[in-house]
Amino acid sequence: MNAFVRCLAGTACGAVLSVSLAGPAVAADAPCKALGYVQKRVVQKADQGIDALRDYVFITRGIHQLDMGEIAVSLDDWRASARCAKLAAERASGEPVALATDRR
């Protein structure tokens, strides 16, 4: 009985390790989350700087109903989705992929 329990524990440990090692490869092949026009523009303005983002939100507040609090919560996800879409488009076109990294 003791050997059986050890065998099951070893199998479970191996399964967990194999899933965790395959995780990044599977996640890289997952489709990107689509962004709307406004979300793309917010990401573009945020990449230009906080002043450009603040001006964009202020100017379009009556149209898009955005506020900086909502953007602060969602901006990292939107940037990741935009980066993923850019990488997918570059892979599809066969051009070399170059990423801009934050140097904070």
PDB file of N, CA and C in Angstrom:
ATOM      1  N   MET A   1       0.824  -1.194   0.000  1.00  0.00           N
ATOM      2  CA  MET A   1       0.000   0.000   0.000  1.00  0.00           C
ATOM      3  C   MET A   1       0.870   1.260   0.000  1.00  0.00           C
ATOM      4  N   ASN A   2       1.946   1.248   0.793  1.00  0.00           N
ATOM      5  CA  ASN A   2       2.831   2.407   0.884  1.00  0.00           C
ATOM      6  C   ASN A   2       3.496   2.688  -0.462  1.00  0.00           C
ATOM      7  N   ALA A   3       3.892   1.639  -1.171  1.00  0.00           N
ATOM      8  CA  ALA A   3       4.510   1.809  -2.479  1.00  0.00           C
ATOM      9  C   ALA A   3       3.508   2.387  -3.478  1.00  0.00           C
ATOM     10  N   PHE A   4       2.252   1.980  -3.369  1.00  0.00           N
ATOM     11  CA  PHE A   4       1.210   2.482  -4.255  1.00  0.00           C
ATOM     12  C   PHE A   4       1.003   3.987  -4.055  1.00  0.00           C
ATOM     13  N   VAL A   5       1.000   4.428  -2.787  1.00  0.00           N
ATOM     14  CA  VAL A   5       0.813   5.845  -2.476  1.00  0.00           C
ATOM     15  C   VAL A   5       1.998   6.646  -3.010  1.00  0.00           C
ATOM     16  N   ARG A   6       3.211   6.133  -2.868  1.00  0.00           N
ATOM     17  CA  ARG A   6       4.394   6.815  -3.393  1.00  0.00           C
ATOM     18  C   ARG A   6       4.340   6.911  -4.918  1.00  0.00           C
ATOM     19  N   CYS A   7       3.872   5.860  -5.541  1.00  0.00           N
ATOM     20  CA  CYS A   7       3.755   5.858  -7.000  1.00  0.00           C
ATOM     21  C   CYS A   7       2.759   6.924  -7.463  1.00  0.00           C
ATOM     22  N   LEU A   8       1.619   7.008  -6.772  1.00  0.00           N
ATOM     23  CA  LEU A   8       0.623   8.028  -7.116  1.00  0.00           C
ATOM     24  C   LEU A   8       1.165   9.436  -6.870  1.00  0.00           C
ATOM     25  N   ALA A   9       1.882   9.632  -5.776  1.00  0.00           N
ATOM     26  CA  ALA A   9       2.445  10.947  -5.478  1.00  0.00           C
ATOM     27  C   ALA A   9       3.467  11.342  -6.536  1.00  0.00           C
ATOM     28  N   GLY A  10       4.299  10.392  -6.958  1.00  0.00           N
ATOM     29  CA  GLY A  10       5.286  10.674  -7.998  1.00  0.00           C
ATOM     30  C   GLY A  10       4.634  11.012  -9.323  1.00  0.00           C
ATOM     31  N   THR A  11       3.580  10.296  -9.648  1.00  0.00           N
ATOM     32  CA  THR A  11       2.853  10.554 -10.889  1.00  0.00           C
ATOM     33  C   THR A  11       2.200  11.936 -10.862  1.00  0.00           C
ATOM     34  N   ALA A  12       1.593  12.279  -9.734  1.00  0.00           N
ATOM     35  CA  ALA A  12       0.948  13.594  -9.611  1.00  0.00           C
ATOM     36  C   ALA A  12       1.985  14.712  -9.706  1.00  0.00           C
ATOM     37  N   CYS A  13       3.127  14.511  -9.055  1.00  0.00           N
ATOM     38  CA  CYS A  13       4.188  15.524  -9.117  1.00  0.00           C
ATOM     39  C   CYS A  13       4.697  15.697 -10.554  1.00  0.00           C
ATOM     40  N   GLY A  14       4.867  14.591 -11.257  1.00  0.00           N
ATOM     41  CA  GLY A  14       5.306  14.660 -12.651  1.00  0.00           C
ATOM     42  C   GLY A  14       4.294  15.361 -13.533  1.00  0.00           C
ATOM     43  N   ALA A  15       3.018  15.088 -13.287  1.00  0.00           N
ATOM     44  CA  ALA A  15       1.970  15.740 -14.082  1.00  0.00           C
ATOM     45  C   ALA A  15       1.951  17.245 -13.852  1.00  0.00           C
ATOM     46  N   VAL A  16       2.114  17.647 -12.590  1.00  0.00           N
ATOM     47  CA  VAL A  16       2.126  19.078 -12.270  1.00  0.00           C
ATOM     48  C   VAL A  16       3.320  19.760 -12.925  1.00  0.00           C
ATOM     49  N   LEU A  17       4.481  19.136 -12.854  1.00  0.00           N
ATOM     50  CA  LEU A  17       5.670  19.725 -13.476  1.00  0.00           C
ATOM     51  C   LEU A  17       5.536  19.811 -14.988  1.00  0.00           C
ATOM     52  N   SER A  18       4.979  18.798 -15.605  1.00  0.00           N
ATOM     53  CA  SER A  18       4.856  18.835 -17.064  1.00  0.00           C
ATOM     54  C   SER A  18       3.872  19.902 -17.515  1.00  0.00           C
ATOM     55  N   VAL A  19       2.816  20.104 -16.763  1.00  0.00           N
ATOM     56  CA  VAL A  19       1.851  21.148 -17.108  1.00  0.00           C
ATOM     57  C   VAL A  19       2.470  22.526 -16.897  1.00  0.00           C
ATOM     58  N   SER A  20       3.221  22.712 -15.819  1.00  0.00           N
ATOM     59  CA  SER A  20       3.803  24.024 -15.561  1.00  0.00           C
ATOM     60  C   SER A  20       4.899  24.359 -16.567  1.00  0.00           C
ATOM     61  N   LEU A  21       5.615  23.374 -17.058  1.00  0.00           N
ATOM     62  CA  LEU A  21       6.642  23.633 -18.061  1.00  0.00           C
ATOM     63  C   LEU A  21       6.041  23.925 -19.422  1.00  0.00           C
ATOM     64  N   ALA A  22       4.902  23.327 -19.729  1.00  0.00           N
ATOM     65  CA  ALA A  22       4.255  23.556 -21.019  1.00  0.00           C
ATOM     66  C   ALA A  22       3.429  24.832 -21.015  1.00  0.00           C
ATOM     67  N   GLY A  23       3.208  25.425 -19.857  1.00  0.00           N
ATOM     68  CA  GLY A  23       2.348  26.598 -19.741  1.00  0.00           C
ATOM     69  C   GLY A  23       2.744  27.763 -20.624  1.00  0.00           C
ATOM     70  N   PRO A  24       3.999  28.249 -20.578  1.00  0.00           N
ATOM     71  CA  PRO A  24       4.358  29.403 -21.401  1.00  0.00           C
ATOM     72  C   PRO A  24       4.238  29.137 -22.896  1.00  0.00           C
ATOM     73  N   ALA A  25       4.544  27.925 -23.338  1.00  0.00           N
ATOM     74  CA  ALA A  25       4.434  27.620 -24.762  1.00  0.00           C
ATOM     75  C   ALA A  25       2.977  27.632 -25.203  1.00  0.00           C
ATOM     76  N   VAL A  26       2.109  27.101 -24.366  1.00  0.00           N
ATOM     77  CA  VAL A  26       0.688  27.088 -24.695  1.00  0.00           C
ATOM     78  C   VAL A  26       0.142  28.506 -24.659  1.00  0.00           C
ATOM     79  N   ALA A  27       0.567  29.292 -23.661  1.00  0.00           N
ATOM     80  CA  ALA A  27       0.077  30.664 -23.552  1.00  0.00           C
ATOM     81  C   ALA A  27       0.545  31.510 -24.732  1.00  0.00           C
ATOM     82  N   ALA A  28       1.726  31.237 -25.261  1.00  0.00           N
ATOM     83  CA  ALA A  28       2.235  32.020 -26.388  1.00  0.00           C
ATOM     84  C   ALA A  28       1.425  31.769 -27.654  1.00  0.00           C
ATOM     85  N   ASP A  29       0.835  30.574 -27.775  1.00  0.00           N
ATOM     86  CA  ASP A  29       0.055  30.254 -28.955  1.00  0.00           C
ATOM     87  C   ASP A  29      -1.410  30.657 -28.819  1.00  0.00           C
ATOM     88  N   ALA A  30      -1.811  31.119 -27.634  1.00  0.00           N
ATOM     89  CA  ALA A  30      -3.197  31.508 -27.421  1.00  0.00           C
ATOM     90  C   ALA A  30      -3.495  32.770 -28.231  1.00  0.00           C
ATOM     91  N   PRO A  31      -4.714  32.887 -28.733  1.00  0.00           N
ATOM     92  CA  PRO A  31      -5.060  34.084 -29.503  1.00  0.00           C
ATOM     93  C   PRO A  31      -5.079  35.324 -28.607  1.00  0.00           C
ATOM     94  N   CYS A  32      -4.776  36.438 -29.207  1.00  0.00           N
ATOM     95  CA  CYS A  32      -4.734  37.701 -28.467  1.00  0.00           C
ATOM     96  C   CYS A  32      -6.152  38.208 -28.229  1.00  0.00           C
ATOM     97  N   LYS A  33      -6.304  38.923 -27.131  1.00  0.00           N
ATOM     98  CA  LYS A  33      -7.582  39.544 -26.828  1.00  0.00           C
ATOM     99  C   LYS A  33      -7.727  40.779 -27.714  1.00  0.00           C
ATOM    100  N   ALA A  34      -8.843  40.890 -28.396  1.00  0.00           N
ATOM    101  CA  ALA A  34      -9.056  42.002 -29.328  1.00  0.00           C
ATOM    102  C   ALA A  34      -9.312  43.303 -28.574  1.00  0.00           C
ATOM    103  N   LEU A  35      -8.739  44.376 -29.075  1.00  0.00           N
ATOM    104  CA  LEU A  35      -8.948  45.700 -28.509  1.00  0.00           C
ATOM    105  C   LEU A  35      -9.836  46.516 -29.422  1.00  0.00           C
ATOM    106  N   GLY A  36     -10.637  47.361 -28.823  1.00  0.00           N
ATOM    107  CA  GLY A  36     -11.451  48.287 -29.589  1.00  0.00           C
ATOM    108  C   GLY A  36     -10.640  49.500 -30.013  1.00  0.00           C
ATOM    109  N   TYR A  37     -11.241  50.347 -30.818  1.00  0.00           N
ATOM    110  CA  TYR A  37     -10.555  51.543 -31.317  1.00  0.00           C
ATOM    111  C   TYR A  37     -10.114  52.440 -30.171  1.00  0.00           C
ATOM    112  N   VAL A  38     -11.000  52.673 -29.216  1.00  0.00           N
ATOM    113  CA  VAL A  38     -10.684  53.579 -28.117  1.00  0.00           C
ATOM    114  C   VAL A  38      -9.557  53.008 -27.267  1.00  0.00           C
ATOM    115  N   GLN A  39      -9.596  51.712 -27.011  1.00  0.00           N
ATOM    116  CA  GLN A  39      -8.539  51.086 -26.218  1.00  0.00           C
ATOM    117  C   GLN A  39      -7.187  51.194 -26.923  1.00  0.00           C
ATOM    118  N   LYS A  40      -7.170  51.005 -28.238  1.00  0.00           N
ATOM    119  CA  LYS A  40      -5.924  51.155 -28.991  1.00  0.00           C
ATOM    120  C   LYS A  40      -5.394  52.581 -28.903  1.00  0.00           C
ATOM    121  N   ARG A  41      -6.290  53.565 -29.020  1.00  0.00           N
ATOM    122  CA  ARG A  41      -5.875  54.967 -28.930  1.00  0.00           C
ATOM    123  C   ARG A  41      -5.345  55.305 -27.535  1.00  0.00           C
ATOM    124  N   VAL A  42      -5.972  54.746 -26.505  1.00  0.00           N
ATOM    125  CA  VAL A  42      -5.500  54.987 -25.142  1.00  0.00           C
ATOM    126  C   VAL A  42      -4.094  54.428 -24.976  1.00  0.00           C
ATOM    127  N   VAL A  43      -3.842  53.241 -25.506  1.00  0.00           N
ATOM    128  CA  VAL A  43      -2.504  52.648 -25.428  1.00  0.00           C
ATOM    129  C   VAL A  43      -1.495  53.506 -26.185  1.00  0.00           C
ATOM    130  N   GLN A  44      -1.864  53.981 -27.371  1.00  0.00           N
ATOM    131  CA  GLN A  44      -0.967  54.845 -28.146  1.00  0.00           C
ATOM    132  C   GLN A  44      -0.634  56.119 -27.372  1.00  0.00           C
ATOM    133  N   LYS A  45      -1.645  56.733 -26.787  1.00  0.00           N
ATOM    134  CA  LYS A  45      -1.417  57.972 -26.042  1.00  0.00           C
ATOM    135  C   LYS A  45      -0.601  57.701 -24.779  1.00  0.00           C
ATOM    136  N   ALA A  46      -0.834  56.585 -24.123  1.00  0.00           N
ATOM    137  CA  ALA A  46      -0.067  56.242 -22.924  1.00  0.00           C
ATOM    138  C   ALA A  46       1.400  56.011 -23.272  1.00  0.00           C
ATOM    139  N   ASP A  47       1.663  55.443 -24.458  1.00  0.00           N
ATOM    140  CA  ASP A  47       3.039  55.247 -24.898  1.00  0.00           C
ATOM    141  C   ASP A  47       3.736  56.580 -25.176  1.00  0.00           C
ATOM    142  N   GLN A  48       2.958  57.600 -25.518  1.00  0.00           N
ATOM    143  CA  GLN A  48       3.523  58.936 -25.765  1.00  0.00           C
ATOM    144  C   GLN A  48       3.832  59.669 -24.461  1.00  0.00           C
ATOM    145  N   GLY A  49       3.193  59.251 -23.385  1.00  0.00           N
ATOM    146  CA  GLY A  49       3.453  59.881 -22.088  1.00  0.00           C
ATOM    147  C   GLY A  49       2.166  60.197 -21.353  1.00  0.00           C
ATOM    148  N   ILE A  50       2.305  60.491 -20.077  1.00  0.00           N
ATOM    149  CA  ILE A  50       1.140  60.752 -19.236  1.00  0.00           C
ATOM    150  C   ILE A  50       0.408  62.023 -19.646  1.00  0.00           C
ATOM    151  N   ASP A  51       1.140  63.025 -20.101  1.00  0.00           N
ATOM    152  CA  ASP A  51       0.479  64.266 -20.509  1.00  0.00           C
ATOM    153  C   ASP A  51      -0.387  64.059 -21.750  1.00  0.00           C
ATOM    154  N   ALA A  52       0.117  63.307 -22.716  1.00  0.00           N
ATOM    155  CA  ALA A  52      -0.661  63.014 -23.920  1.00  0.00           C
ATOM    156  C   ALA A  52      -1.905  62.194 -23.570  1.00  0.00           C
ATOM    157  N   LEU A  53      -1.750  61.247 -22.655  1.00  0.00           N
ATOM    158  CA  LEU A  53      -2.897  60.434 -22.238  1.00  0.00           C
ATOM    159  C   LEU A  53      -3.926  61.290 -21.511  1.00  0.00           C
ATOM    160  N   ARG A  54      -3.478  62.107 -20.602  1.00  0.00           N
ATOM    161  CA  ARG A  54      -4.391  62.972 -19.841  1.00  0.00           C
ATOM    162  C   ARG A  54      -5.134  63.934 -20.774  1.00  0.00           C
ATOM    163  N   ASP A  55      -4.442  64.498 -21.748  1.00  0.00           N
ATOM    164  CA  ASP A  55      -5.091  65.390 -22.719  1.00  0.00           C
ATOM    165  C   ASP A  55      -6.133  64.645 -23.539  1.00  0.00           C
ATOM    166  N   TYR A  56      -5.788  63.429 -23.994  1.00  0.00           N
ATOM    167  CA  TYR A  56      -6.724  62.645 -24.796  1.00  0.00           C
ATOM    168  C   TYR A  56      -7.987  62.317 -23.997  1.00  0.00           C
ATOM    169  N   VAL A  57      -7.808  61.905 -22.753  1.00  0.00           N
ATOM    170  CA  VAL A  57      -8.960  61.565 -21.915  1.00  0.00           C
ATOM    171  C   VAL A  57      -9.809  62.808 -21.662  1.00  0.00           C
ATOM    172  N   PHE A  58      -9.166  63.934 -21.404  1.00  0.00           N
ATOM    173  CA  PHE A  58      -9.909  65.158 -21.140  1.00  0.00           C
ATOM    174  C   PHE A  58     -10.686  65.611 -22.369  1.00  0.00           C
ATOM    175  N   ILE A  59     -10.049  65.580 -23.528  1.00  0.00           N
ATOM    176  CA  ILE A  59     -10.693  66.047 -24.752  1.00  0.00           C
ATOM    177  C   ILE A  59     -11.856  65.154 -25.162  1.00  0.00           C
ATOM    178  N   THR A  60     -11.714  63.841 -24.992  1.00  0.00           N
ATOM    179  CA  THR A  60     -12.738  62.907 -25.467  1.00  0.00           C
ATOM    180  C   THR A  60     -13.647  62.392 -24.353  1.00  0.00           C
ATOM    181  N   ARG A  61     -13.631  63.033 -23.189  1.00  0.00           N
ATOM    182  CA  ARG A  61     -14.404  62.523 -22.053  1.00  0.00           C
ATOM    183  C   ARG A  61     -15.906  62.493 -22.325  1.00  0.00           C
ATOM    184  N   GLY A  62     -16.398  63.428 -23.077  1.00  0.00           N
ATOM    185  CA  GLY A  62     -17.829  63.457 -23.389  1.00  0.00           C
ATOM    186  C   GLY A  62     -18.241  62.408 -24.406  1.00  0.00           C
ATOM    187  N   ILE A  63     -17.317  61.975 -25.228  1.00  0.00           N
ATOM    188  CA  ILE A  63     -17.616  60.994 -26.267  1.00  0.00           C
ATOM    189  C   ILE A  63     -17.423  59.573 -25.761  1.00  0.00           C
ATOM    190  N   HIS A  64     -16.263  59.309 -25.149  1.00  0.00           N
ATOM    191  CA  HIS A  64     -15.906  57.940 -24.774  1.00  0.00           C
ATOM    192  C   HIS A  64     -16.221  57.581 -23.333  1.00  0.00           C
ATOM    193  N   GLN A  65     -16.564  58.556 -22.509  1.00  0.00           N
ATOM    194  CA  GLN A  65     -16.898  58.329 -21.106  1.00  0.00           C
ATOM    195  C   GLN A  65     -15.772  57.607 -20.358  1.00  0.00           C
ATOM    196  N   LEU A  66     -14.540  58.035 -20.581  1.00  0.00           N
ATOM    197  CA  LEU A  66     -13.386  57.460 -19.894  1.00  0.00           C
ATOM    198  C   LEU A  66     -12.986  58.348 -18.726  1.00  0.00           C
ATOM    199  N   ASP A  67     -12.401  57.729 -17.724  1.00  0.00           N
ATOM    200  CA  ASP A  67     -11.740  58.502 -16.676  1.00  0.00           C
ATOM    201  C   ASP A  67     -10.412  57.821 -16.362  1.00  0.00           C
ATOM    202  N   MET A  68      -9.507  58.565 -15.759  1.00  0.00           N
ATOM    203  CA  MET A  68      -8.160  58.065 -15.518  1.00  0.00           C
ATOM    204  C   MET A  68      -8.163  56.872 -14.560  1.00  0.00           C
ATOM    205  N   GLY A  69      -9.107  56.814 -13.649  1.00  0.00           N
ATOM    206  CA  GLY A  69      -9.192  55.671 -12.731  1.00  0.00           C
ATOM    207  C   GLY A  69      -9.466  54.378 -13.467  1.00  0.00           C
ATOM    208  N   GLU A  70     -10.404  54.419 -14.409  1.00  0.00           N
ATOM    209  CA  GLU A  70     -10.721  53.231 -15.212  1.00  0.00           C
ATOM    210  C   GLU A  70      -9.526  52.828 -16.071  1.00  0.00           C
ATOM    211  N   ILE A  71      -8.867  53.798 -16.630  1.00  0.00           N
ATOM    212  CA  ILE A  71      -7.715  53.516 -17.486  1.00  0.00           C
ATOM    213  C   ILE A  71      -6.574  52.931 -16.670  1.00  0.00           C
ATOM    214  N   ALA A  72      -6.352  53.462 -15.470  1.00  0.00           N
ATOM    215  CA  ALA A  72      -5.266  52.964 -14.625  1.00  0.00           C
ATOM    216  C   ALA A  72      -5.454  51.485 -14.302  1.00  0.00           C
ATOM    217  N   VAL A  73      -6.689  51.058 -14.117  1.00  0.00           N
ATOM    218  CA  VAL A  73      -6.972  49.657 -13.801  1.00  0.00           C
ATOM    219  C   VAL A  73      -6.737  48.762 -15.021  1.00  0.00           C
ATOM    220  N   SER A  74      -7.075  49.230 -16.201  1.00  0.00           N
ATOM    221  CA  SER A  74      -7.080  48.397 -17.406  1.00  0.00           C
ATOM    222  C   SER A  74      -5.872  48.556 -18.312  1.00  0.00           C
ATOM    223  N   LEU A  75      -5.064  49.575 -18.124  1.00  0.00           N
ATOM    224  CA  LEU A  75      -4.021  49.912 -19.097  1.00  0.00           C
ATOM    225  C   LEU A  75      -3.000  48.794 -19.293  1.00  0.00           C
ATOM    226  N   ASP A  76      -2.573  48.132 -18.238  1.00  0.00           N
ATOM    227  CA  ASP A  76      -1.585  47.059 -18.390  1.00  0.00           C
ATOM    228  C   ASP A  76      -2.120  45.923 -19.249  1.00  0.00           C
ATOM    229  N   ASP A  77      -3.382  45.553 -19.051  1.00  0.00           N
ATOM    230  CA  ASP A  77      -3.990  44.500 -19.880  1.00  0.00           C
ATOM    231  C   ASP A  77      -4.110  44.944 -21.331  1.00  0.00           C
ATOM    232  N   TRP A  78      -4.489  46.191 -21.542  1.00  0.00           N
ATOM    233  CA  TRP A  78      -4.625  46.712 -22.904  1.00  0.00           C
ATOM    234  C   TRP A  78      -3.274  46.742 -23.606  1.00  0.00           C
ATOM    235  N   ARG A  79      -2.231  47.149 -22.875  1.00  0.00           N
ATOM    236  CA  ARG A  79      -0.890  47.171 -23.473  1.00  0.00           C
ATOM    237  C   ARG A  79      -0.432  45.754 -23.833  1.00  0.00           C
ATOM    238  N   ALA A  80      -0.694  44.793 -22.963  1.00  0.00           N
ATOM    239  CA  ALA A  80      -0.312  43.407 -23.249  1.00  0.00           C
ATOM    240  C   ALA A  80      -1.056  42.880 -24.468  1.00  0.00           C
ATOM    241  N   SER A  81      -2.328  43.209 -24.590  1.00  0.00           N
ATOM    242  CA  SER A  81      -3.105  42.776 -25.755  1.00  0.00           C
ATOM    243  C   SER A  81      -2.603  43.439 -27.030  1.00  0.00           C
ATOM    244  N   ALA A  82      -2.260  44.718 -26.950  1.00  0.00           N
ATOM    245  CA  ALA A  82      -1.736  45.426 -28.125  1.00  0.00           C
ATOM    246  C   ALA A  82      -0.397  44.832 -28.543  1.00  0.00           C
ATOM    247  N   ARG A  83       0.463  44.523 -27.575  1.00  0.00           N
ATOM    248  CA  ARG A  83       1.766  43.923 -27.871  1.00  0.00           C
ATOM    249  C   ARG A  83       1.590  42.540 -28.489  1.00  0.00           C
ATOM    250  N   CYS A  84       0.648  41.769 -27.968  1.00  0.00           N
ATOM    251  CA  CYS A  84       0.370  40.440 -28.493  1.00  0.00           C
ATOM    252  C   CYS A  84      -0.133  40.525 -29.935  1.00  0.00           C
ATOM    253  N   ALA A  85      -1.041  41.461 -30.201  1.00  0.00           N
ATOM    254  CA  ALA A  85      -1.563  41.618 -31.559  1.00  0.00           C
ATOM    255  C   ALA A  85      -0.460  42.046 -32.521  1.00  0.00           C
ATOM    256  N   LYS A  86       0.433  42.914 -32.061  1.00  0.00           N
ATOM    257  CA  LYS A  86       1.533  43.361 -32.911  1.00  0.00           C
ATOM    258  C   LYS A  86       2.467  42.203 -33.233  1.00  0.00           C
ATOM    259  N   LEU A  87       2.787  41.389 -32.236  1.00  0.00           N
ATOM    260  CA  LEU A  87       3.645  40.226 -32.461  1.00  0.00           C
ATOM    261  C   LEU A  87       2.995  39.228 -33.410  1.00  0.00           C
ATOM    262  N   ALA A  88       1.708  38.988 -33.245  1.00  0.00           N
ATOM    263  CA  ALA A  88       0.997  38.056 -34.115  1.00  0.00           C
ATOM    264  C   ALA A  88       0.991  38.552 -35.554  1.00  0.00           C
ATOM    265  N   ALA A  89       0.805  39.860 -35.741  1.00  0.00           N
ATOM    266  CA  ALA A  89       0.800  40.421 -37.092  1.00  0.00           C
ATOM    267  C   ALA A  89       2.188  40.323 -37.726  1.00  0.00           C
ATOM    268  N   GLU A  90       3.225  40.560 -36.931  1.00  0.00           N
ATOM    269  CA  GLU A  90       4.584  40.475 -37.473  1.00  0.00           C
ATOM    270  C   GLU A  90       4.970  39.034 -37.783  1.00  0.00           C
ATOM    271  N   ARG A  91       4.527  38.100 -36.949  1.00  0.00           N
ATOM    272  CA  ARG A  91       4.794  36.683 -37.242  1.00  0.00           C
ATOM    273  C   ARG A  91       4.088  36.250 -38.511  1.00  0.00           C
ATOM    274  N   ALA A  92       2.863  36.727 -38.703  1.00  0.00           N
ATOM    275  CA  ALA A  92       2.092  36.355 -39.885  1.00  0.00           C
ATOM    276  C   ALA A  92       2.712  36.924 -41.155  1.00  0.00           C
ATOM    277  N   SER A  93       3.311  38.112 -41.054  1.00  0.00           N
ATOM    278  CA  SER A  93       3.907  38.720 -42.237  1.00  0.00           C
ATOM    279  C   SER A  93       5.317  38.196 -42.498  1.00  0.00           C
ATOM    280  N   GLY A  94       5.916  37.535 -41.520  1.00  0.00           N
ATOM    281  CA  GLY A  94       7.246  36.967 -41.701  1.00  0.00           C
ATOM    282  C   GLY A  94       8.375  37.948 -41.480  1.00  0.00           C
ATOM    283  N   GLU A  95       8.063  39.165 -41.035  1.00  0.00           N
ATOM    284  CA  GLU A  95       9.095  40.155 -40.761  1.00  0.00           C
ATOM    285  C   GLU A  95       9.716  39.880 -39.394  1.00  0.00           C
ATOM    286  N   PRO A  96      10.939  40.333 -39.176  1.00  0.00           N
ATOM    287  CA  PRO A  96      11.549  40.151 -37.863  1.00  0.00           C
ATOM    288  C   PRO A  96      10.773  40.894 -36.788  1.00  0.00           C
ATOM    289  N   VAL A  97      10.718  40.296 -35.616  1.00  0.00           N
ATOM    290  CA  VAL A  97       9.961  40.864 -34.511  1.00  0.00           C
ATOM    291  C   VAL A  97      10.897  41.654 -33.611  1.00  0.00           C
ATOM    292  N   ALA A  98      10.548  42.912 -33.366  1.00  0.00           N
ATOM    293  CA  ALA A  98      11.330  43.748 -32.460  1.00  0.00           C
ATOM    294  C   ALA A  98      10.363  44.339 -31.433  1.00  0.00           C
ATOM    295  N   LEU A  99      10.701  44.213 -30.156  1.00  0.00           N
ATOM    296  CA  LEU A  99       9.846  44.727 -29.102  1.00  0.00           C
ATOM    297  C   LEU A  99      10.493  45.928 -28.431  1.00  0.00           C
ATOM    298  N   ALA A 100       9.668  46.887 -28.096  1.00  0.00           N
ATOM    299  CA  ALA A 100      10.139  48.010 -27.289  1.00  0.00           C
ATOM    300  C   ALA A 100       9.933  47.619 -25.829  1.00  0.00           C
ATOM    301  N   THR A 101      10.929  47.810 -25.018  1.00  0.00           N
ATOM    302  CA  THR A 101      10.812  47.440 -23.613  1.00  0.00           C
ATOM    303  C   THR A 101      10.784  48.702 -22.769  1.00  0.00           C
ATOM    304  N   ASP A 102      10.049  48.625 -21.676  1.00  0.00           N
ATOM    305  CA  ASP A 102      10.013  49.729 -20.722  1.00  0.00           C
ATOM    306  C   ASP A 102      11.344  49.758 -19.991  1.00  0.00           C
ATOM    307  N   ARG A 103      11.897  50.912 -19.852  1.00  0.00           N
ATOM    308  CA  ARG A 103      13.174  51.049 -19.147  1.00  0.00           C
ATOM    309  C   ARG A 103      12.952  51.899 -17.896  1.00  0.00           C
ATOM    310  N   ARG A 104      12.068  51.411 -17.074  1.00  0.00           N
ATOM    311  CA  ARG A 104      11.771  52.141 -15.829  1.00  0.00           C
ATOM    312  C   ARG A 104      12.587  51.631 -14.707  1.00  0.00           C
TER     313      ARG A 104
END
